[in-house]
Amino acid sequence: MDYNIRDGRTYMYFKGEPLYPFGYGLSYTTFKYSNLRASSPQLAKDGTLTISVDVTNTGSRAGDDVVQMYVKHLGSKVEFPGEALKGFHRVTLEAGETKTVQIPLKASTLAWWDQKLPGFRVEREPIRVMIGNSSSDIQLTTEVHVQ
């Protein structure tokens, strides 16, 4: 039997379409995301930056939303999952209300284990930061360069 996780044996490397995407849930109202921005276009290998997004309740009643931040490696030497959840923030909004949500992104969460060091390594590469309310409903993206 093949137990290699990179061959689709875990949700991280699964190549098919999941029955329920990561972060799936229902609400009694609707939300819109806008104005995605990073506190810096560069992320130091040992640093942290803040991802901010405005969330608006576009429905007719109050509700909660869980803003989720996913990351995709764009230039790594090793294989990573297609996208990985790196942060989230729950926000409560009245009908028509807008709030800014901030989610920290630590470079250390982008590291991989290098057997040659041995130790964790953070690569210099561009990454795509994706914001949505589930892994199948990404609404905004931006790129950040890890230095």
C-alpha atoms as a PDB file:
ATOM      1  CA  MET A   1       0.000   0.000   0.000  1.00  0.00           C
ATOM      2  CA  ASP A   2       1.260   3.505  -0.880  1.00  0.00           C
ATOM      3  CA  TYR A   3       1.335   5.853   2.127  1.00  0.00           C
ATOM      4  CA  ASN A   4       3.046   8.757   0.355  1.00  0.00           C
ATOM      5  CA  ILE A   5       0.998  11.844   1.317  1.00  0.00           C
ATOM      6  CA  ARG A   6       2.031  13.615  -1.903  1.00  0.00           C
ATOM      7  CA  ASP A   7       0.150  10.967  -3.920  1.00  0.00           C
ATOM      8  CA  GLY A   8      -3.220  12.287  -2.757  1.00  0.00           C
ATOM      9  CA  ARG A   9      -3.498  10.313   0.483  1.00  0.00           C
ATOM     10  CA  THR A  10      -4.292  13.427   2.532  1.00  0.00           C
ATOM     11  CA  TYR A  11      -6.527  16.442   2.013  1.00  0.00           C
ATOM     12  CA  MET A  12      -3.461  18.668   1.496  1.00  0.00           C
ATOM     13  CA  TYR A  13      -2.440  16.928  -1.745  1.00  0.00           C
ATOM     14  CA  PHE A  14      -5.844  15.654  -2.871  1.00  0.00           C
ATOM     15  CA  LYS A  15      -6.262  16.359  -6.597  1.00  0.00           C
ATOM     16  CA  GLY A  16     -10.021  15.797  -6.859  1.00  0.00           C
ATOM     17  CA  GLU A  17     -12.967  18.027  -5.999  1.00  0.00           C
ATOM     18  CA  PRO A  18     -13.945  17.747  -2.309  1.00  0.00           C
ATOM     19  CA  LEU A  19     -17.558  17.187  -1.345  1.00  0.00           C
ATOM     20  CA  TYR A  20     -17.333  20.122   1.093  1.00  0.00           C
ATOM     21  CA  PRO A  21     -14.486  22.616   0.579  1.00  0.00           C
ATOM     22  CA  PHE A  22     -12.318  23.700   3.490  1.00  0.00           C
ATOM     23  CA  GLY A  23     -14.165  26.438   5.394  1.00  0.00           C
ATOM     24  CA  TYR A  24     -17.564  25.510   3.953  1.00  0.00           C
ATOM     25  CA  GLY A  25     -20.551  26.895   5.827  1.00  0.00           C
ATOM     26  CA  LEU A  26     -23.853  28.676   5.396  1.00  0.00           C
ATOM     27  CA  SER A  27     -25.044  32.053   6.623  1.00  0.00           C
ATOM     28  CA  TYR A  28     -28.343  33.892   6.808  1.00  0.00           C
ATOM     29  CA  THR A  29     -26.810  36.876   5.016  1.00  0.00           C
ATOM     30  CA  THR A  30     -24.243  37.699   2.327  1.00  0.00           C
ATOM     31  CA  PHE A  31     -20.838  39.361   2.450  1.00  0.00           C
ATOM     32  CA  LYS A  32     -18.618  41.211   0.006  1.00  0.00           C
ATOM     33  CA  TYR A  33     -14.831  41.619   0.294  1.00  0.00           C
ATOM     34  CA  SER A  34     -12.945  44.623  -1.079  1.00  0.00           C
ATOM     35  CA  ASN A  35      -9.775  46.677  -0.747  1.00  0.00           C
ATOM     36  CA  LEU A  36      -7.303  43.821  -0.150  1.00  0.00           C
ATOM     37  CA  ARG A  37      -3.897  45.127   0.864  1.00  0.00           C
ATOM     38  CA  ALA A  38      -0.668  43.973   2.477  1.00  0.00           C
ATOM     39  CA  SER A  39       1.203  46.135   4.994  1.00  0.00           C
ATOM     40  CA  SER A  40       4.275  45.627   2.779  1.00  0.00           C
ATOM     41  CA  PRO A  41       4.922  44.094  -0.665  1.00  0.00           C
ATOM     42  CA  GLN A  42       7.965  42.329   0.857  1.00  0.00           C
ATOM     43  CA  LEU A  43       8.043  39.757   3.660  1.00  0.00           C
ATOM     44  CA  ALA A  44      11.367  39.254   5.435  1.00  0.00           C
ATOM     45  CA  LYS A  45      12.362  35.602   6.023  1.00  0.00           C
ATOM     46  CA  ASP A  46      11.988  36.146   9.762  1.00  0.00           C
ATOM     47  CA  GLY A  47       9.240  38.755   9.616  1.00  0.00           C
ATOM     48  CA  THR A  48       5.500  39.241   9.734  1.00  0.00           C
ATOM     49  CA  LEU A  49       3.187  41.400   7.672  1.00  0.00           C
ATOM     50  CA  THR A  50      -0.492  42.186   7.981  1.00  0.00           C
ATOM     51  CA  ILE A  51      -3.093  41.408   5.342  1.00  0.00           C
ATOM     52  CA  SER A  52      -6.133  43.710   5.528  1.00  0.00           C
ATOM     53  CA  VAL A  53      -9.473  43.463   3.760  1.00  0.00           C
ATOM     54  CA  ASP A  54     -12.760  45.344   4.056  1.00  0.00           C
ATOM     55  CA  VAL A  55     -15.788  43.120   4.678  1.00  0.00           C
ATOM     56  CA  THR A  56     -19.318  44.405   4.014  1.00  0.00           C
ATOM     57  CA  ASN A  57     -22.545  42.718   5.053  1.00  0.00           C
ATOM     58  CA  THR A  58     -24.598  43.083   1.852  1.00  0.00           C
ATOM     59  CA  GLY A  59     -27.621  41.244   3.247  1.00  0.00           C
ATOM     60  CA  SER A  60     -30.688  42.402   5.138  1.00  0.00           C
ATOM     61  CA  ARG A  61     -29.803  41.006   8.577  1.00  0.00           C
ATOM     62  CA  ALA A  62     -26.855  40.828  10.961  1.00  0.00           C
ATOM     63  CA  GLY A  63     -24.456  37.940  10.607  1.00  0.00           C
ATOM     64  CA  ASP A  64     -21.010  36.489  11.206  1.00  0.00           C
ATOM     65  CA  ASP A  65     -18.418  35.764   8.548  1.00  0.00           C
ATOM     66  CA  VAL A  66     -15.105  33.944   8.831  1.00  0.00           C
ATOM     67  CA  VAL A  67     -12.575  35.635   6.571  1.00  0.00           C
ATOM     68  CA  GLN A  68     -10.004  33.037   5.511  1.00  0.00           C
ATOM     69  CA  MET A  69      -6.474  33.640   4.201  1.00  0.00           C
ATOM     70  CA  TYR A  70      -4.877  31.019   1.960  1.00  0.00           C
ATOM     71  CA  VAL A  71      -1.369  31.023   0.515  1.00  0.00           C
ATOM     72  CA  LYS A  72      -0.003  29.463  -2.680  1.00  0.00           C
ATOM     73  CA  HIS A  73       3.755  29.122  -3.295  1.00  0.00           C
ATOM     74  CA  LEU A  74       4.642  30.389  -6.771  1.00  0.00           C
ATOM     75  CA  GLY A  75       8.377  29.705  -6.998  1.00  0.00           C
ATOM     76  CA  SER A  76       9.298  27.015  -4.481  1.00  0.00           C
ATOM     77  CA  LYS A  77      11.888  24.297  -5.127  1.00  0.00           C
ATOM     78  CA  VAL A  78       9.728  21.798  -3.248  1.00  0.00           C
ATOM     79  CA  GLU A  79       6.144  20.697  -3.746  1.00  0.00           C
ATOM     80  CA  PHE A  80       3.563  22.366  -1.519  1.00  0.00           C
ATOM     81  CA  PRO A  81      -0.203  21.813  -1.358  1.00  0.00           C
ATOM     82  CA  GLY A  82      -2.093  23.845  -3.963  1.00  0.00           C
ATOM     83  CA  GLU A  83      -3.226  26.250  -1.277  1.00  0.00           C
ATOM     84  CA  ALA A  84      -2.860  26.278   2.491  1.00  0.00           C
ATOM     85  CA  LEU A  85      -4.890  28.049   5.162  1.00  0.00           C
ATOM     86  CA  LYS A  86      -2.556  30.457   6.983  1.00  0.00           C
ATOM     87  CA  GLY A  87      -5.012  32.541   8.983  1.00  0.00           C
ATOM     88  CA  PHE A  88      -8.624  33.482   9.595  1.00  0.00           C
ATOM     89  CA  HIS A  89     -10.704  36.023  11.484  1.00  0.00           C
ATOM     90  CA  ARG A  90     -14.362  35.898  12.544  1.00  0.00           C
ATOM     91  CA  VAL A  91     -16.266  39.167  12.218  1.00  0.00           C
ATOM     92  CA  THR A  92     -19.838  40.139  13.209  1.00  0.00           C
ATOM     93  CA  LEU A  93     -21.543  42.744  11.031  1.00  0.00           C
ATOM     94  CA  GLU A  94     -24.918  44.441  11.082  1.00  0.00           C
ATOM     95  CA  ALA A  95     -26.800  44.711   7.771  1.00  0.00           C
ATOM     96  CA  GLY A  96     -24.961  47.204   5.531  1.00  0.00           C
ATOM     97  CA  GLU A  97     -21.996  47.531   7.917  1.00  0.00           C
ATOM     98  CA  THR A  98     -18.356  47.414   6.765  1.00  0.00           C
ATOM     99  CA  LYS A  99     -15.349  46.532   8.915  1.00  0.00           C
ATOM    100  CA  THR A 100     -11.672  46.124   8.142  1.00  0.00           C
ATOM    101  CA  VAL A 101     -10.287  42.708   9.074  1.00  0.00           C
ATOM    102  CA  GLN A 102      -6.566  42.236   9.669  1.00  0.00           C
ATOM    103  CA  ILE A 103      -4.816  38.860   9.564  1.00  0.00           C
ATOM    104  CA  PRO A 104      -1.091  38.473  10.309  1.00  0.00           C
ATOM    105  CA  LEU A 105       1.105  36.414   7.965  1.00  0.00           C
ATOM    106  CA  LYS A 106       4.314  35.108   9.551  1.00  0.00           C
ATOM    107  CA  ALA A 107       7.132  34.021   7.256  1.00  0.00           C
ATOM    108  CA  SER A 108       7.786  31.072   9.559  1.00  0.00           C
ATOM    109  CA  THR A 109       4.444  29.537   8.499  1.00  0.00           C
ATOM    110  CA  LEU A 110       5.807  29.292   4.941  1.00  0.00           C
ATOM    111  CA  ALA A 111       8.829  27.184   5.940  1.00  0.00           C
ATOM    112  CA  TRP A 112       9.631  23.637   4.867  1.00  0.00           C
ATOM    113  CA  TRP A 113      11.974  21.078   6.423  1.00  0.00           C
ATOM    114  CA  ASP A 114      15.334  20.920   4.635  1.00  0.00           C
ATOM    115  CA  GLN A 115      17.137  17.653   5.399  1.00  0.00           C
ATOM    116  CA  LYS A 116      20.453  19.110   4.218  1.00  0.00           C
ATOM    117  CA  LEU A 117      20.547  21.819   6.927  1.00  0.00           C
ATOM    118  CA  PRO A 118      18.824  20.087   8.845  1.00  0.00           C
ATOM    119  CA  GLY A 119      16.190  22.599   9.756  1.00  0.00           C
ATOM    120  CA  PHE A 120      13.324  24.670   8.486  1.00  0.00           C
ATOM    121  CA  ARG A 121      13.906  26.909   5.468  1.00  0.00           C
ATOM    122  CA  VAL A 122      11.951  29.891   4.205  1.00  0.00           C
ATOM    123  CA  GLU A 123      12.608  30.411   0.498  1.00  0.00           C
ATOM    124  CA  ARG A 124      12.921  33.661  -1.405  1.00  0.00           C
ATOM    125  CA  GLU A 125       9.938  33.479  -3.710  1.00  0.00           C
ATOM    126  CA  PRO A 126       6.678  35.144  -4.642  1.00  0.00           C
ATOM    127  CA  ILE A 127       3.551  33.867  -2.901  1.00  0.00           C
ATOM    128  CA  ARG A 128      -0.083  34.434  -3.756  1.00  0.00           C
ATOM    129  CA  VAL A 129      -2.263  35.508  -0.822  1.00  0.00           C
ATOM    130  CA  MET A 130      -5.925  34.635  -1.338  1.00  0.00           C
ATOM    131  CA  ILE A 131      -8.906  35.846   0.695  1.00  0.00           C
ATOM    132  CA  GLY A 132     -12.319  34.199   0.745  1.00  0.00           C
ATOM    133  CA  ASN A 133     -14.939  32.644   2.975  1.00  0.00           C
ATOM    134  CA  SER A 134     -13.989  29.097   1.923  1.00  0.00           C
ATOM    135  CA  SER A 135     -11.278  27.435  -0.137  1.00  0.00           C
ATOM    136  CA  SER A 136     -13.702  27.257  -3.080  1.00  0.00           C
ATOM    137  CA  ASP A 137     -14.819  30.897  -2.809  1.00  0.00           C
ATOM    138  CA  ILE A 138     -11.643  32.953  -3.141  1.00  0.00           C
ATOM    139  CA  GLN A 139     -12.723  36.551  -3.789  1.00  0.00           C
ATOM    140  CA  LEU A 140      -9.479  38.565  -3.740  1.00  0.00           C
ATOM    141  CA  THR A 141      -5.793  37.851  -4.356  1.00  0.00           C
ATOM    142  CA  THR A 142      -2.503  39.696  -4.097  1.00  0.00           C
ATOM    143  CA  GLU A 143       1.166  38.758  -4.368  1.00  0.00           C
ATOM    144  CA  VAL A 144       3.882  39.229  -1.773  1.00  0.00           C
ATOM    145  CA  HIS A 145       7.598  38.547  -2.256  1.00  0.00           C
ATOM    146  CA  VAL A 146       9.409  36.648   0.484  1.00  0.00           C
ATOM    147  CA  GLN A 147      12.901  38.066   0.936  1.00  0.00           C
END
